[in-house]
Structure formats: structure tokens, C-alpha cells
Amino acid sequence: MSGSVESTAISPTALALARLAGNRTAVAALGIVALFVLLAAFAPWIAPQDPGEANLFRRLQPPAWEEGGEWAFPLGCDALGRDILSRLIHGARVSLSVAAMVVGIAAVIGTLAGLSAGYLRGWTDTLVSRLVDTLLGFPYLVFAIGLMAMMGPGLHNIVVALVLKEWVFTCRVVRGETLAAREQDYVEAARALGCTAGHIMLREILPNVLSPVLVVATFRMAYVIIMEASLSFLGLGVQPPTPSWGSMVADGRDFLVDAWWVSTLPGVAILLLVLSINLASQGLRDAFDPRLHTS
């Protein structure tokens, strides 16, 4: 009897975390993402070399060990003799910081816009929906390239260009969730008590849409990383000497046959991080979406 009482007292969050812990693939993916985050956070102390230090005597040096058994350049050097491993570690900092800023800002803007459109309806919903439809009509990469061409390359401009497109994905999800929530009994009760629209949106509806926002934000981080790498590959993103995975791939495209590691290793890093984020977001969705566990 006491066991059944304890089981019914478990909170939905605890149940979701238990489901997530039972998903080995998602846990492994989260571990890989956490490893990249740690590398990015402690890059100045972890990187064995200065990522911007060039030495033409080491030009296109392959992955090798020093004579004494100590690591010299275990992932090789690029065309300017810079250490690939150190540049990969510092490049993780660029990719993750851009993704975190873009997704964070876009989630706030998209959530507020989606709440307003879904709850207030009327001209607010029409205005937001038409703006979302217009932005979705532009291919993401073409839209970002156009903005970067106007604003110029740079870290802050990348964030602005991607946020201007990225918020619409969170907005669509939040608007749909808000349209369903505004008809629920707890919202009707809040209206009957005379609560303002702002109170109902922020205190009643918002806590119930945070789970899908978290899942969408996690999934969109992978796409933002790809977009940042694409812009840097085209020379419109982060500028030298700051290392970026996209620019590292571009630096080695002329040496794919003789020095495969220059482009391949940053490409593998992008693939591993993006795949891990996608698997982790899938695990979060499976764990936190109550509609998948109605039984």
C-alpha cells in the first residue's frame, strides 16, 4: 500500500528524468554534448598550443608523435602550420557560443510572440502569422547570406542574422500550444477570477509550454551550428584569426588528397556534435512529451 502511494507521489518531472535516464542513446548523446561544452568552456587551459600560432616549418604536418613519446601535434597541422587539435577545441567555443546565443534569444522572442498570437488572436495573431509565413518563404541559408552580405562578417552579425530567422520556429510551436491551452479549464478559471491577459499568458500558460520549447531549442541548436559553419565556410562568418570549424573545412579544401586531416577532422567534429544534439533532443522529446505516455 505504501509503495503505491509513493509511486503516485512521483512528480511528472521525476518520471520524465527517469525515462530519459533509461534511454541509453540519449544519455550517451548528452554525454558527448557535455564533453564538447567542457572543451569549449575550458579551451584556453585545455588546448595544447596557441590556435593562432603559425609556423611554416610545420606546414601540413600529418598527425604524428614526437620522438620521446610525447604528443606534439596529434591531429596534424594546417597549411599555415597551426595545430589542428587546438583550433578544433577553440572552434567548439565559437560554434556552441553562437548556437547558445541564437537559440536563447530566438526562444525568448518566439515564445513571447507565440503566446501573444495564440492567446490574443485577432490582429495580433494575423500580424505574427503573416510575418512568420513571410520569413519561412525564404530559404534559411539564402536569407542568412543576404543579411551577412549587407551587415558584413563577424560574430555579432551572425547572431543577429540567424536570430531574425530562427525565432519563427519557436513561435509556431508556442502558438499551437497556446491555442490548445487557452480553451482549458484552468485558463477559463483565471479569466473568471479577473486575471489580466498578461498574467494568464505568463503565469498560467507559459509553464505548460516550456517543455516543447526546451525540445525545440535543443533541436534547433544543431541546425544553428550547421548554419554558422556554412557561413564561416563561405567567408561570411567568423573571421581569422578566430578559429571556426566552417573556416577550417574551407582552409583544407585544396589539400583533400595530400592533407585530408585539415578538412576532415573539423567536418567530423561538426558531424559528431550535430548528431549528438539531434539524438539528445529526440530523447528529451520522448521523455518530456506527456502525449507519448498517456497510458
Protein backbone atom coordinates (compact mmCIF):
# COMPACT_ATOMS: atom_id res chain seq x y z
CA MET A 1 0.00 0.00 0.00
CA SER A 2 2.77 2.41 0.95
CA GLY A 3 4.63 1.55 -2.26
CA SER A 4 1.62 2.54 -4.39
CA VAL A 5 1.29 5.83 -2.50
CA GLU A 6 4.96 6.60 -3.06
CA SER A 7 4.70 5.79 -6.77
CA THR A 8 1.73 8.10 -7.22
CA ALA A 9 3.63 10.89 -5.43
CA ILE A 10 6.39 10.98 -8.04
CA SER A 11 6.32 14.27 -9.92
CA PRO A 12 5.99 14.38 -13.73
CA THR A 13 9.48 15.88 -13.93
CA ALA A 14 10.96 12.99 -11.96
CA LEU A 15 9.17 10.50 -14.20
CA ALA A 16 10.47 12.29 -17.30
CA LEU A 17 14.03 12.24 -15.94
CA ALA A 18 13.68 8.54 -15.17
CA ARG A 19 12.54 7.87 -18.73
CA LEU A 20 15.45 9.92 -20.04
CA ALA A 21 17.92 8.01 -17.86
CA GLY A 22 16.57 4.76 -19.31
CA ASN A 23 17.31 5.91 -22.86
CA ARG A 24 20.95 4.89 -23.27
CA THR A 25 21.31 6.50 -26.68
CA ALA A 26 20.07 9.86 -25.40
CA VAL A 27 22.28 9.65 -22.30
CA ALA A 28 25.35 8.88 -24.42
CA ALA A 29 24.48 11.75 -26.76
CA LEU A 30 24.08 14.12 -23.81
CA GLY A 31 27.46 12.96 -22.53
CA ILE A 32 29.12 13.80 -25.86
CA VAL A 33 27.43 17.21 -25.92
CA ALA A 34 28.58 17.82 -22.34
CA LEU A 35 32.14 16.89 -23.37
CA PHE A 36 32.08 19.46 -26.17
CA VAL A 37 30.69 22.06 -23.76
CA LEU A 38 33.52 21.38 -21.30
CA LEU A 39 36.10 21.61 -24.07
CA ALA A 40 34.63 24.94 -25.17
CA ALA A 41 34.41 26.32 -21.63
CA PHE A 42 38.00 25.43 -20.72
CA ALA A 43 39.55 25.83 -24.18
CA PRO A 44 42.32 28.26 -23.11
CA TRP A 45 43.54 25.77 -20.50
CA ILE A 46 42.95 22.52 -22.41
CA ALA A 47 44.33 23.45 -25.84
CA PRO A 48 47.96 22.27 -26.04
CA GLN A 49 49.05 25.06 -28.43
CA ASP A 50 48.13 28.61 -29.32
CA PRO A 51 45.44 28.14 -32.03
CA GLY A 52 46.71 31.18 -33.95
CA GLU A 53 50.41 30.36 -33.80
CA ALA A 54 51.67 29.77 -37.35
CA ASN A 55 54.89 28.05 -38.28
CA LEU A 56 55.55 27.28 -41.93
CA PHE A 57 58.14 24.68 -40.96
CA ARG A 58 55.16 22.61 -39.71
CA ARG A 59 53.07 23.25 -42.83
CA LEU A 60 50.64 20.36 -43.47
CA GLN A 61 52.41 18.19 -40.93
CA PRO A 62 50.41 14.94 -40.59
CA PRO A 63 49.17 13.61 -37.24
CA ALA A 64 52.33 12.42 -35.51
CA TRP A 65 54.13 11.84 -32.24
CA GLU A 66 57.33 13.48 -31.13
CA GLU A 67 60.48 11.48 -30.74
CA GLY A 68 60.38 10.93 -26.98
CA GLY A 69 56.86 9.63 -26.84
CA GLU A 70 55.16 12.94 -26.04
CA TRP A 71 52.32 14.44 -28.04
CA ALA A 72 53.42 17.12 -30.45
CA PHE A 73 50.58 17.62 -32.94
CA PRO A 74 48.40 14.51 -32.63
CA LEU A 75 45.87 15.79 -35.21
CA GLY A 76 48.42 17.41 -37.50
CA CYS A 77 48.81 20.99 -38.70
CA ASP A 78 47.13 23.10 -41.39
CA ALA A 79 48.59 24.99 -44.34
CA LEU A 80 49.99 27.68 -42.02
CA GLY A 81 51.45 25.22 -39.54
CA ARG A 82 48.77 25.80 -36.88
CA ASP A 83 47.82 22.97 -34.53
CA ILE A 84 44.56 21.34 -35.66
CA LEU A 85 43.69 19.99 -32.20
CA SER A 86 43.96 23.41 -30.56
CA ARG A 87 41.93 25.01 -33.31
CA LEU A 88 39.24 22.33 -33.00
CA ILE A 89 38.94 22.96 -29.26
CA HIS A 90 38.69 26.72 -29.70
CA GLY A 91 36.35 26.25 -32.67
CA ALA A 92 33.95 24.37 -30.40
CA ARG A 93 33.75 27.52 -28.28
CA VAL A 94 32.70 29.59 -31.30
CA SER A 95 30.10 27.10 -32.56
CA LEU A 96 28.50 26.47 -29.17
CA SER A 97 28.51 30.12 -28.11
CA VAL A 98 26.84 31.21 -31.35
CA ALA A 99 24.29 28.39 -31.09
CA ALA A 100 23.52 29.18 -27.43
CA MET A 101 23.08 32.92 -28.06
CA VAL A 102 20.98 32.48 -31.19
CA VAL A 103 18.72 29.78 -29.76
CA GLY A 104 18.37 31.56 -26.41
CA ILE A 105 17.40 34.92 -27.90
CA ALA A 106 15.18 33.30 -30.54
CA ALA A 107 13.42 31.19 -27.89
CA VAL A 108 12.54 34.28 -25.85
CA ILE A 109 11.29 36.24 -28.86
CA GLY A 110 9.45 33.26 -30.34
CA THR A 111 7.83 32.33 -27.04
CA LEU A 112 6.52 35.85 -26.39
CA ALA A 113 5.30 36.21 -29.98
CA GLY A 114 3.66 32.77 -29.95
CA LEU A 115 1.94 33.42 -26.61
CA SER A 116 0.59 36.76 -27.83
CA ALA A 117 -0.59 35.38 -31.17
CA GLY A 118 -2.20 32.27 -29.70
CA TYR A 119 -3.94 33.90 -26.77
CA LEU A 120 -4.89 37.37 -28.01
CA ARG A 121 -5.85 36.20 -31.52
CA GLY A 122 -7.34 38.94 -33.76
CA TRP A 123 -4.96 41.34 -35.48
CA THR A 124 -2.07 40.24 -33.26
CA ASP A 125 -2.36 36.67 -34.50
CA THR A 126 -2.77 37.83 -38.10
CA LEU A 127 0.29 40.08 -37.94
CA VAL A 128 2.53 37.47 -36.29
CA SER A 129 1.32 34.65 -38.54
CA ARG A 130 1.88 36.62 -41.74
CA LEU A 131 5.36 37.63 -40.60
CA VAL A 132 6.19 34.01 -39.80
CA ASP A 133 4.87 32.84 -43.17
CA THR A 134 6.91 35.51 -44.96
CA LEU A 135 10.14 34.54 -43.21
CA LEU A 136 9.52 30.84 -43.81
CA GLY A 137 9.22 31.60 -47.52
CA PHE A 138 12.94 32.45 -47.69
CA PRO A 139 15.45 29.56 -47.72
CA TYR A 140 17.39 29.77 -44.46
CA LEU A 141 20.90 29.85 -45.94
CA VAL A 142 19.98 32.34 -48.68
CA PHE A 143 18.31 34.58 -46.09
CA ALA A 144 21.38 34.46 -43.83
CA ILE A 145 23.80 35.07 -46.72
CA GLY A 146 21.82 38.11 -47.81
CA LEU A 147 21.83 39.61 -44.32
CA MET A 148 25.53 38.89 -43.79
CA ALA A 149 26.33 40.48 -47.16
CA MET A 150 24.56 43.65 -46.01
CA MET A 151 25.87 43.73 -42.42
CA GLY A 152 29.33 42.32 -43.04
CA PRO A 153 31.05 39.30 -41.47
CA GLY A 154 31.56 38.99 -37.74
CA LEU A 155 30.39 37.08 -34.67
CA HIS A 156 27.72 39.56 -33.58
CA ASN A 157 26.33 39.91 -37.09
CA ILE A 158 25.99 36.12 -37.35
CA VAL A 159 23.90 36.11 -34.18
CA VAL A 160 21.64 38.91 -35.47
CA ALA A 161 21.21 37.32 -38.90
CA LEU A 162 20.31 33.91 -37.51
CA VAL A 163 18.00 35.23 -34.77
CA LEU A 164 15.96 37.14 -37.35
CA LYS A 165 15.03 33.80 -38.92
CA GLU A 166 15.31 31.37 -36.02
CA TRP A 167 12.58 32.79 -33.75
CA VAL A 168 9.80 31.71 -36.13
CA PHE A 169 10.31 28.01 -35.34
CA THR A 170 9.73 28.50 -31.61
CA CYS A 171 6.85 30.87 -32.35
CA ARG A 172 4.96 28.28 -34.41
CA VAL A 173 5.22 25.65 -31.67
CA VAL A 174 4.25 28.03 -28.85
CA ARG A 175 1.32 29.46 -30.82
CA GLY A 176 -0.08 25.96 -31.41
CA GLU A 177 0.33 25.01 -27.76
CA THR A 178 -1.24 28.29 -26.64
CA LEU A 179 -4.27 27.83 -28.91
CA ALA A 180 -4.91 24.49 -27.21
CA ALA A 181 -4.20 25.78 -23.70
CA ARG A 182 -6.47 28.85 -23.92
CA GLU A 183 -9.52 26.56 -24.02
CA GLN A 184 -8.52 24.59 -20.93
CA ASP A 185 -10.41 24.84 -17.64
CA TYR A 186 -7.56 26.45 -15.71
CA VAL A 187 -7.42 29.33 -18.20
CA GLU A 188 -11.19 29.78 -18.03
CA ALA A 189 -10.94 29.84 -14.23
CA ALA A 190 -8.24 32.51 -14.38
CA ARG A 191 -10.43 34.62 -16.67
CA ALA A 192 -13.38 34.20 -14.31
CA LEU A 193 -11.20 35.47 -11.46
CA GLY A 194 -10.46 38.61 -13.42
CA CYS A 195 -6.80 37.90 -14.21
CA THR A 196 -5.24 40.06 -16.92
CA ALA A 197 -4.16 38.65 -20.26
CA GLY A 198 -0.51 39.16 -19.33
CA HIS A 199 -0.96 37.24 -16.08
CA ILE A 200 -2.72 34.36 -17.84
CA MET A 201 -0.10 34.12 -20.58
CA LEU A 202 2.96 34.35 -18.33
CA ARG A 203 1.74 32.63 -15.15
CA GLU A 204 -0.80 30.09 -16.39
CA ILE A 205 0.04 29.14 -19.99
CA LEU A 206 3.80 29.69 -20.18
CA PRO A 207 4.76 26.97 -17.62
CA ASN A 208 2.78 24.45 -19.68
CA VAL A 209 4.57 25.25 -22.96
CA LEU A 210 8.12 25.28 -21.62
CA SER A 211 8.69 21.55 -22.27
CA PRO A 212 8.11 21.77 -26.04
CA VAL A 213 10.14 24.99 -26.13
CA LEU A 214 13.05 23.13 -24.49
CA VAL A 215 12.83 20.32 -27.02
CA VAL A 216 12.62 22.71 -29.99
CA ALA A 217 15.52 24.80 -28.67
CA THR A 218 17.70 21.71 -28.26
CA PHE A 219 16.90 20.51 -31.76
CA ARG A 220 17.45 23.94 -33.32
CA MET A 221 20.92 24.25 -31.77
CA ALA A 222 22.13 21.56 -34.17
CA TYR A 223 20.78 23.48 -37.16
CA VAL A 224 22.31 26.76 -35.98
CA ILE A 225 25.72 25.08 -35.65
CA ILE A 226 25.43 23.93 -39.27
CA MET A 227 24.39 27.43 -40.38
CA GLU A 228 27.31 29.07 -38.57
CA ALA A 229 29.72 26.57 -40.10
CA SER A 230 28.21 27.17 -43.55
CA LEU A 231 28.57 30.95 -43.28
CA SER A 232 32.14 30.63 -41.99
CA PHE A 233 32.93 28.21 -44.83
CA LEU A 234 31.75 30.84 -47.31
CA GLY A 235 33.85 33.53 -45.61
CA LEU A 236 30.82 35.40 -44.24
CA GLY A 237 31.06 34.21 -40.66
CA VAL A 238 33.75 34.35 -38.01
CA GLN A 239 36.88 35.97 -39.43
CA PRO A 240 40.53 34.96 -38.93
CA PRO A 241 42.43 34.58 -36.71
CA THR A 242 39.48 33.29 -34.66
CA PRO A 243 39.20 29.55 -35.39
CA SER A 244 35.86 28.24 -36.64
CA TRP A 245 35.03 24.73 -37.78
CA GLY A 246 33.50 26.01 -41.00
CA SER A 247 36.54 28.11 -41.91
CA MET A 248 38.81 25.18 -41.02
CA VAL A 249 36.96 23.00 -43.53
CA ALA A 250 37.35 25.75 -46.12
CA ASP A 251 41.09 26.11 -45.37
CA GLY A 252 41.71 22.45 -46.20
CA ARG A 253 39.54 22.02 -49.28
CA ASP A 254 42.56 22.48 -51.58
CA PHE A 255 44.52 19.76 -49.77
CA LEU A 256 41.96 16.96 -49.53
CA VAL A 257 44.24 14.44 -51.25
CA ASP A 258 47.60 15.27 -49.68
CA ALA A 259 46.42 16.56 -46.27
CA TRP A 260 42.98 15.07 -45.61
CA TRP A 261 43.08 15.85 -41.88
CA VAL A 262 42.83 19.63 -42.36
CA SER A 263 39.22 19.48 -43.61
CA THR A 264 38.14 16.03 -42.47
CA LEU A 265 38.71 16.45 -38.73
CA PRO A 266 36.63 19.65 -38.30
CA GLY A 267 33.98 18.05 -40.53
CA VAL A 268 33.90 15.02 -38.23
CA ALA A 269 33.60 17.35 -35.21
CA ILE A 270 30.58 19.07 -36.79
CA LEU A 271 29.00 15.71 -37.63
CA LEU A 272 29.56 14.29 -34.14
CA LEU A 273 28.22 17.34 -32.30
CA VAL A 274 25.18 17.81 -34.55
CA LEU A 275 24.30 14.10 -34.43
CA SER A 276 24.64 14.05 -30.64
CA ILE A 277 22.40 17.11 -30.25
CA ASN A 278 19.76 15.57 -32.53
CA LEU A 279 19.78 12.28 -30.60
CA ALA A 280 19.66 14.15 -27.28
CA SER A 281 16.73 16.30 -28.44
CA GLN A 282 14.88 13.17 -29.58
CA GLY A 283 15.44 11.63 -26.15
CA LEU A 284 14.21 14.79 -24.43
CA ARG A 285 11.08 14.80 -26.58
CA ASP A 286 10.37 11.15 -25.80
CA ALA A 287 10.90 11.75 -22.08
CA PHE A 288 9.09 15.05 -21.55
CA ASP A 289 6.19 14.89 -24.02
CA PRO A 290 3.21 13.71 -21.93
CA ARG A 291 1.21 12.82 -25.03
CA LEU A 292 3.59 9.91 -25.67
CA HIS A 293 2.89 8.44 -22.22
CA THR A 294 -0.85 8.75 -21.83
CA SER A 295 -1.19 5.11 -20.88
